[in-house]
Amino acid sequence: MSLFGLVCVTALLATLILVGITCAGSRQIERRHPPVGHFRNVGGTRLHCVHVPGPRGSLPPLVFFHGATANLNDQMVPLQPLLEGRAELLFVDRPGHGWSARGRGNDTPFGQAKTIAALMDELGIDRAMLIGHSFGGATAAAFALAYPERTRGLVMLAPASHPWPGGATAWYYSLAAMPILGPLFVATLIYPLGLRRLAAATQAVFAPNDVPDDYARRAAIPLILRPCVFRANALDVAGLFGFVSAAASRYQEIAAPCVIITGDRDTVVADAIHAAGLAQALPQATLVRVRNLGHKPDWIARDLVLAGIENVAGLPRDLAAATAKVEARIADDRYPARPVRAEGQRGSAELAPQ
């Protein structure tokens, strides 16, 4: 056998081994993190959701839009205990994430908003308050633009909303979103590399705040390491710059009240570009910037998120006092001890000038 032939055979064997490892690892992840809700076929897309009926009271129905690399557990675990029994709740894996199929027409926030609106129709939810975290903020904004009559209000948590200079994001998203190379990359390398990077990436998302105990398991974060889900996530992130570049000029059309909660130490989404820009654009926006808070107000500042939801619902809530309480609680957070540069630090955040 020639040297070239030997190299080709070796490469093929290595590829097959990596595919086998990824398939076995994906099955193990699925066994450890099974679906927690039920499935609905909506417009040809099979969606996984948790629908919690609630009373008609002071809070309207609440629909949650999770961020990139996540799934419905990421908002449901910290927030459901605070809200169950007070409102109707809908947590959904965005198309292609968690246990939801990607389906057709769901490669943009507008497409995903349309599918989720159809799910709301099936569940009898006519008008709701939208709670969007990170990339979910872009999807919530798309929903509010497409369905203003169905948007009771918005609570945006560290939202991604505006174009950032350079438009760059993490290399692995760009590679995974490519044709041909992308499917090969996610089928062979994402699982083994992702296992090694998961803890550090989680630290970078929460920094400077402590990662909650058993966060990855409780939020079922390893589901992102399955090839089809990682590629769907990469396509979302790769297309985000184009979406926000087009949508940002329309945000003034969103007339619903909105509370925006952001951290001044966010290492993923630059608050000075996204949250501040959104607050300036929306006619009825209240910006709440929390000192020493990272990218996860839904876990670290749950009481403030609840106050934001109540405020948008028209209840008298002192957001400044709620913010001060959170800031006092996290003032000494310095985690990790050394900056983790996985997603960049202040000034080099992933969705920030490069």
Protein backbone atom coordinates (compact mmCIF):
# COMPACT_ATOMS: atom_id res chain seq x y z
CA MET A 1 0.00 0.00 0.00
CA SER A 2 1.29 3.47 -0.91
CA LEU A 3 1.89 6.11 1.72
CA PHE A 4 -1.10 8.06 0.41
CA GLY A 5 -3.32 5.01 0.69
CA LEU A 6 -2.10 4.34 4.22
CA VAL A 7 -2.88 7.91 5.25
CA CYS A 8 -6.36 7.65 3.74
CA VAL A 9 -7.10 4.34 5.49
CA THR A 10 -5.82 5.72 8.80
CA ALA A 11 -7.93 8.86 8.45
CA LEU A 12 -11.01 6.79 7.62
CA LEU A 13 -10.49 4.51 10.61
CA ALA A 14 -9.98 7.49 12.91
CA THR A 15 -13.16 9.09 11.57
CA LEU A 16 -15.17 5.90 12.10
CA ILE A 17 -13.84 5.55 15.64
CA LEU A 18 -14.76 9.15 16.47
CA VAL A 19 -18.24 8.73 14.96
CA GLY A 20 -18.70 5.59 17.05
CA ILE A 21 -17.57 7.37 20.22
CA THR A 22 -19.94 10.26 19.46
CA CYS A 23 -22.91 7.96 18.81
CA ALA A 24 -22.31 6.02 22.01
CA GLY A 25 -21.79 9.21 23.99
CA SER A 26 -24.96 10.76 22.59
CA ARG A 27 -27.03 7.74 23.60
CA GLN A 28 -25.59 7.93 27.10
CA ILE A 29 -26.43 11.64 27.33
CA GLU A 30 -30.00 10.94 26.23
CA ARG A 31 -30.40 8.25 28.87
CA ARG A 32 -29.14 10.61 31.57
CA HIS A 33 -31.27 13.55 30.40
CA PRO A 34 -34.60 12.18 29.12
CA PRO A 35 -37.51 14.43 28.05
CA VAL A 36 -39.23 16.09 31.01
CA GLY A 37 -42.33 17.29 29.17
CA HIS A 38 -44.53 16.23 26.31
CA PHE A 39 -44.34 16.48 22.52
CA ARG A 40 -46.51 18.41 20.08
CA ASN A 41 -46.37 18.29 16.30
CA VAL A 42 -46.68 21.90 15.17
CA GLY A 43 -46.54 22.77 11.49
CA GLY A 44 -44.43 19.71 10.77
CA THR A 45 -42.04 20.37 13.68
CA ARG A 46 -42.02 18.06 16.71
CA LEU A 47 -41.61 20.30 19.74
CA HIS A 48 -40.79 19.29 23.29
CA CYS A 49 -42.43 21.51 25.90
CA VAL A 50 -43.60 21.74 29.49
CA HIS A 51 -47.01 23.41 29.83
CA VAL A 52 -48.07 24.29 33.37
CA PRO A 53 -51.69 25.49 33.58
CA GLY A 54 -52.25 28.32 36.00
CA PRO A 55 -54.95 30.55 37.43
CA ARG A 56 -56.25 33.72 35.84
CA GLY A 57 -54.80 36.26 38.19
CA SER A 58 -52.33 39.09 38.48
CA LEU A 59 -49.83 37.50 36.11
CA PRO A 60 -50.57 36.76 32.45
CA PRO A 61 -49.42 33.54 30.75
CA LEU A 62 -45.62 33.39 30.58
CA VAL A 63 -43.70 31.92 27.62
CA PHE A 64 -39.98 31.28 28.03
CA PHE A 65 -37.32 31.50 25.29
CA HIS A 66 -34.02 29.88 26.33
CA GLY A 67 -30.61 30.86 25.04
CA ALA A 68 -27.97 29.22 22.86
CA THR A 69 -26.43 25.88 23.94
CA ALA A 70 -29.37 25.43 26.32
CA ASN A 71 -32.85 23.91 26.52
CA LEU A 72 -36.06 24.49 28.43
CA ASN A 73 -34.57 23.20 31.71
CA ASP A 74 -32.23 26.18 31.87
CA GLN A 75 -35.13 28.52 32.69
CA MET A 76 -37.61 26.04 34.09
CA VAL A 77 -35.43 24.74 36.95
CA PRO A 78 -34.73 28.14 38.56
CA LEU A 79 -37.96 29.99 37.69
CA GLN A 80 -40.83 27.50 37.78
CA PRO A 81 -40.77 27.20 41.61
CA LEU A 82 -41.23 30.98 41.88
CA LEU A 83 -44.09 31.18 39.38
CA GLU A 84 -46.06 27.94 39.48
CA GLY A 85 -49.56 28.52 40.81
CA ARG A 86 -49.43 32.22 39.91
CA ALA A 87 -49.55 32.02 36.12
CA GLU A 88 -49.84 29.68 33.16
CA LEU A 89 -46.30 28.72 32.13
CA LEU A 90 -44.91 27.44 28.84
CA PHE A 91 -41.32 26.26 28.63
CA VAL A 92 -40.27 24.99 25.21
CA ASP A 93 -37.13 23.62 23.61
CA ARG A 94 -36.59 25.96 20.68
CA PRO A 95 -36.61 24.09 17.35
CA GLY A 96 -33.46 21.97 17.07
CA HIS A 97 -32.59 22.28 20.75
CA GLY A 98 -33.04 19.92 23.67
CA TRP A 99 -35.55 17.32 22.52
CA SER A 100 -37.26 19.41 19.82
CA ALA A 101 -36.75 18.60 16.16
CA ARG A 102 -35.37 21.34 13.95
CA GLY A 103 -38.16 21.18 11.39
CA ARG A 104 -38.44 23.36 8.31
CA GLY A 105 -38.40 27.12 8.38
CA ASN A 106 -36.84 27.36 11.84
CA ASP A 107 -33.37 28.61 10.94
CA THR A 108 -34.15 32.21 11.98
CA PRO A 109 -35.62 33.80 15.12
CA PHE A 110 -38.68 34.79 13.06
CA GLY A 111 -39.17 31.19 11.96
CA GLN A 112 -38.82 29.91 15.52
CA ALA A 113 -41.21 32.58 16.79
CA LYS A 114 -43.79 31.48 14.22
CA THR A 115 -43.50 27.85 15.33
CA ILE A 116 -43.81 28.76 19.00
CA ALA A 117 -46.81 30.96 18.23
CA ALA A 118 -48.44 27.94 16.58
CA LEU A 119 -47.68 25.88 19.69
CA MET A 120 -49.37 28.55 21.80
CA ASP A 121 -52.41 28.29 19.53
CA GLU A 122 -52.60 24.55 20.17
CA LEU A 123 -52.39 25.10 23.92
CA GLY A 124 -54.96 27.89 23.94
CA ILE A 125 -52.53 30.68 24.89
CA ASP A 126 -53.66 33.79 23.07
CA ARG A 127 -51.60 36.58 24.66
CA ALA A 128 -48.54 36.18 26.86
CA MET A 129 -45.56 37.82 28.48
CA LEU A 130 -42.29 36.69 26.90
CA ILE A 131 -39.18 35.94 28.95
CA GLY A 132 -36.06 35.66 26.76
CA HIS A 133 -32.52 34.89 27.85
CA SER A 134 -29.49 35.61 25.63
CA PHE A 135 -30.26 34.27 22.12
CA GLY A 136 -33.80 33.76 23.40
CA GLY A 137 -33.98 37.55 23.64
CA ALA A 138 -33.60 37.75 19.87
CA THR A 139 -36.37 35.17 19.43
CA ALA A 140 -38.63 37.01 21.88
CA ALA A 141 -38.01 40.26 19.98
CA ALA A 142 -38.87 38.51 16.72
CA PHE A 143 -42.11 37.26 18.29
CA ALA A 144 -43.00 40.75 19.52
CA LEU A 145 -42.38 42.20 16.05
CA ALA A 146 -44.37 39.49 14.27
CA TYR A 147 -47.20 39.21 16.81
CA PRO A 148 -47.59 42.55 18.65
CA GLU A 149 -51.21 41.77 19.49
CA ARG A 150 -50.13 38.60 21.29
CA THR A 151 -47.30 40.20 23.28
CA ARG A 152 -48.42 41.29 26.75
CA GLY A 153 -44.92 42.36 27.71
CA LEU A 154 -41.28 41.28 27.71
CA VAL A 155 -38.61 40.49 30.27
CA MET A 156 -35.22 40.32 28.59
CA LEU A 157 -32.37 38.65 30.48
CA ALA A 158 -28.88 39.45 29.14
CA PRO A 159 -30.44 39.61 25.66
CA ALA A 160 -28.64 39.38 22.32
CA SER A 161 -30.28 42.11 20.28
CA HIS A 162 -27.92 44.29 18.26
CA PRO A 163 -25.12 43.97 15.69
CA TRP A 164 -21.66 44.09 17.23
CA PRO A 165 -18.54 45.43 15.49
CA GLY A 166 -16.91 42.70 13.43
CA GLY A 167 -19.84 40.31 13.74
CA ALA A 168 -17.54 37.50 14.79
CA THR A 169 -18.39 34.66 17.16
CA ALA A 170 -16.68 31.50 18.41
CA TRP A 171 -14.75 29.53 15.79
CA TYR A 172 -16.50 26.26 16.60
CA TYR A 173 -19.90 27.76 15.77
CA SER A 174 -18.62 29.05 12.43
CA LEU A 175 -17.08 25.67 11.59
CA ALA A 176 -20.11 23.64 12.69
CA ALA A 177 -22.41 25.82 10.58
CA MET A 178 -20.43 25.22 7.37
CA PRO A 179 -21.79 22.85 4.72
CA ILE A 180 -20.00 19.47 4.42
CA LEU A 181 -17.29 20.28 6.98
CA GLY A 182 -19.86 21.24 9.59
CA PRO A 183 -21.71 17.91 9.72
CA LEU A 184 -18.36 16.06 9.72
CA PHE A 185 -17.04 18.23 12.55
CA VAL A 186 -20.09 17.73 14.80
CA ALA A 187 -20.25 14.00 14.05
CA THR A 188 -16.65 13.39 15.11
CA LEU A 189 -15.16 16.02 17.40
CA ILE A 190 -17.87 17.96 19.25
CA TYR A 191 -18.61 15.21 21.78
CA PRO A 192 -15.03 14.44 22.88
CA LEU A 193 -13.93 18.08 22.75
CA GLY A 194 -17.15 19.28 24.37
CA LEU A 195 -16.78 16.97 27.34
CA ARG A 196 -13.37 18.49 28.04
CA ARG A 197 -14.60 22.07 27.61
CA LEU A 198 -17.99 21.87 29.31
CA ALA A 199 -16.89 22.85 32.81
CA ALA A 200 -14.70 25.75 31.65
CA ALA A 201 -17.38 27.02 29.27
CA THR A 202 -19.93 26.94 32.09
CA GLN A 203 -17.56 28.90 34.33
CA ALA A 204 -17.16 31.50 31.58
CA VAL A 205 -20.93 31.90 31.22
CA PHE A 206 -21.51 32.40 34.96
CA ALA A 207 -18.33 34.35 35.79
CA PRO A 208 -17.75 36.14 38.06
CA ASN A 209 -20.60 34.41 39.90
CA ASP A 210 -20.45 30.88 41.28
CA VAL A 211 -21.81 28.08 39.13
CA PRO A 212 -24.84 26.65 40.98
CA ASP A 213 -24.42 23.18 42.45
CA ASP A 214 -24.99 20.42 39.90
CA TYR A 215 -25.96 23.00 37.27
CA ALA A 216 -25.05 20.99 34.16
CA ARG A 217 -27.12 17.99 35.24
CA ARG A 218 -30.10 19.99 36.49
CA ALA A 219 -30.22 22.11 33.33
CA ALA A 220 -29.44 19.09 31.08
CA ILE A 221 -26.66 21.07 29.39
CA PRO A 222 -24.87 17.97 27.94
CA LEU A 223 -27.77 17.60 25.49
CA ILE A 224 -25.95 20.24 23.40
CA LEU A 225 -23.15 17.74 22.66
CA ARG A 226 -25.34 15.63 20.38
CA PRO A 227 -24.36 16.37 16.77
CA CYS A 228 -27.77 17.43 15.43
CA VAL A 229 -28.38 19.78 18.35
CA PHE A 230 -24.94 21.36 18.26
CA ARG A 231 -25.26 22.02 14.53
CA ALA A 232 -28.72 23.58 14.96
CA ASN A 233 -27.27 25.78 17.70
CA ALA A 234 -24.33 26.74 15.49
CA LEU A 235 -26.67 27.69 12.65
CA ASP A 236 -28.62 29.88 15.07
CA VAL A 237 -25.52 31.67 16.33
CA ALA A 238 -23.98 32.00 12.87
CA GLY A 239 -27.16 33.67 11.63
CA LEU A 240 -27.64 35.94 14.64
CA PHE A 241 -25.61 38.87 13.32
CA GLY A 242 -27.68 39.01 10.14
CA PHE A 243 -30.93 38.87 12.07
CA VAL A 244 -30.11 41.60 14.60
CA SER A 245 -28.63 43.80 11.87
CA ALA A 246 -31.99 43.77 10.09
CA ALA A 247 -34.27 43.73 13.14
CA ALA A 248 -32.63 46.42 15.29
CA SER A 249 -34.08 49.25 13.19
CA ARG A 250 -37.59 47.92 13.88
CA TYR A 251 -37.43 47.61 17.67
CA GLN A 252 -39.24 50.93 18.12
CA GLU A 253 -42.33 49.11 16.78
CA ILE A 254 -42.47 47.02 19.97
CA ALA A 255 -44.96 48.93 22.10
CA ALA A 256 -45.28 46.36 24.91
CA PRO A 257 -43.69 47.18 28.27
CA CYS A 258 -40.28 45.62 28.82
CA VAL A 259 -37.81 45.14 31.66
CA ILE A 260 -34.22 44.38 30.61
CA ILE A 261 -31.96 42.80 33.24
CA THR A 262 -28.24 42.66 32.48
CA GLY A 263 -24.96 42.24 34.33
CA ASP A 264 -22.04 44.62 34.02
CA ARG A 265 -19.65 41.65 34.10
CA ASP A 266 -21.34 39.63 31.35
CA THR A 267 -18.61 37.70 29.51
CA VAL A 268 -20.86 36.44 26.70
CA VAL A 269 -23.07 39.33 25.54
CA ALA A 270 -21.72 42.86 25.86
CA ASP A 271 -24.37 44.74 27.84
CA ALA A 272 -23.23 48.14 26.54
CA ILE A 273 -24.16 47.08 23.00
CA HIS A 274 -27.15 44.80 23.42
CA ALA A 275 -29.07 45.59 26.61
CA ALA A 276 -28.32 49.32 26.45
CA GLY A 277 -29.18 49.45 22.75
CA LEU A 278 -32.44 47.62 23.32
CA ALA A 279 -33.39 49.90 26.19
CA GLN A 280 -32.80 52.94 24.01
CA ALA A 281 -34.85 51.53 21.13
CA LEU A 282 -37.93 50.22 22.92
CA PRO A 283 -40.56 52.88 23.75
CA GLN A 284 -41.50 51.30 27.12
CA ALA A 285 -38.24 49.77 28.34
CA THR A 286 -36.71 49.80 31.79
CA LEU A 287 -33.02 48.89 31.95
CA VAL A 288 -31.77 47.20 35.10
CA ARG A 289 -27.97 46.86 35.20
CA VAL A 290 -26.65 44.75 38.08
CA ARG A 291 -23.13 45.24 39.39
CA ASN A 292 -20.90 42.15 39.42
CA LEU A 293 -23.49 39.98 37.65
CA GLY A 294 -22.50 37.72 34.75
CA HIS A 295 -24.61 36.26 31.96
CA LYS A 296 -27.10 34.26 34.06
CA PRO A 297 -29.63 36.46 35.86
CA ASP A 298 -32.17 33.63 35.55
CA TRP A 299 -30.09 31.58 38.04
CA ILE A 300 -28.15 34.19 40.02
CA ALA A 301 -30.82 36.92 40.34
CA ARG A 302 -34.05 34.91 40.38
CA ASP A 303 -35.75 37.27 42.84
CA LEU A 304 -34.96 40.24 40.58
CA VAL A 305 -36.30 38.36 37.55
CA LEU A 306 -39.53 37.71 39.46
CA ALA A 307 -39.77 41.40 40.36
CA GLY A 308 -39.24 42.27 36.69
CA ILE A 309 -42.05 39.95 35.62
CA GLU A 310 -44.38 41.41 38.24
CA ASN A 311 -43.41 44.93 37.21
CA VAL A 312 -44.24 44.29 33.56
CA ALA A 313 -47.55 42.77 34.69
CA GLY A 314 -48.41 46.11 36.29
CA LEU A 315 -47.75 45.25 39.93
CA PRO A 316 -45.95 47.86 42.06
CA ARG A 317 -42.41 46.56 42.45
CA ASP A 318 -39.31 48.51 43.49
CA LEU A 319 -36.75 47.29 40.96
CA ALA A 320 -34.01 49.47 42.43
CA ALA A 321 -34.46 47.84 45.84
CA ALA A 322 -34.54 44.35 44.30
CA THR A 323 -31.37 45.16 42.37
CA ALA A 324 -29.59 46.42 45.48
CA LYS A 325 -30.48 43.20 47.28
CA VAL A 326 -28.93 41.08 44.52
CA GLU A 327 -25.84 43.29 44.33
CA ALA A 328 -25.26 42.94 48.08
CA ARG A 329 -25.53 39.16 47.78
CA ILE A 330 -23.03 38.82 44.92
CA ALA A 331 -20.70 41.74 45.68
CA ASP A 332 -17.81 39.47 46.68
CA ASP A 333 -18.17 36.95 43.84
CA ARG A 334 -14.84 36.40 42.15
CA TYR A 335 -15.32 33.09 40.37
CA PRO A 336 -13.22 31.71 38.84
CA ALA A 337 -10.14 32.94 40.67
CA ARG A 338 -8.37 33.37 37.32
CA PRO A 339 -10.24 34.78 34.33
CA VAL A 340 -11.50 32.09 31.97
CA ARG A 341 -11.09 33.29 28.44
CA ALA A 342 -13.30 30.66 26.80
CA GLU A 343 -15.88 33.25 25.75
CA GLY A 344 -13.81 36.33 26.53
CA GLN A 345 -13.83 38.68 29.47
CA ARG A 346 -15.21 42.17 29.74
CA GLY A 347 -14.26 43.87 26.49
CA SER A 348 -13.75 40.58 24.66
CA ALA A 349 -17.21 39.09 25.14
CA GLU A 350 -18.35 36.76 22.40
CA LEU A 351 -20.95 39.16 21.02
CA ALA A 352 -18.76 42.24 21.41
CA PRO A 353 -16.15 44.11 19.37
CA GLN A 354 -13.31 41.78 18.42
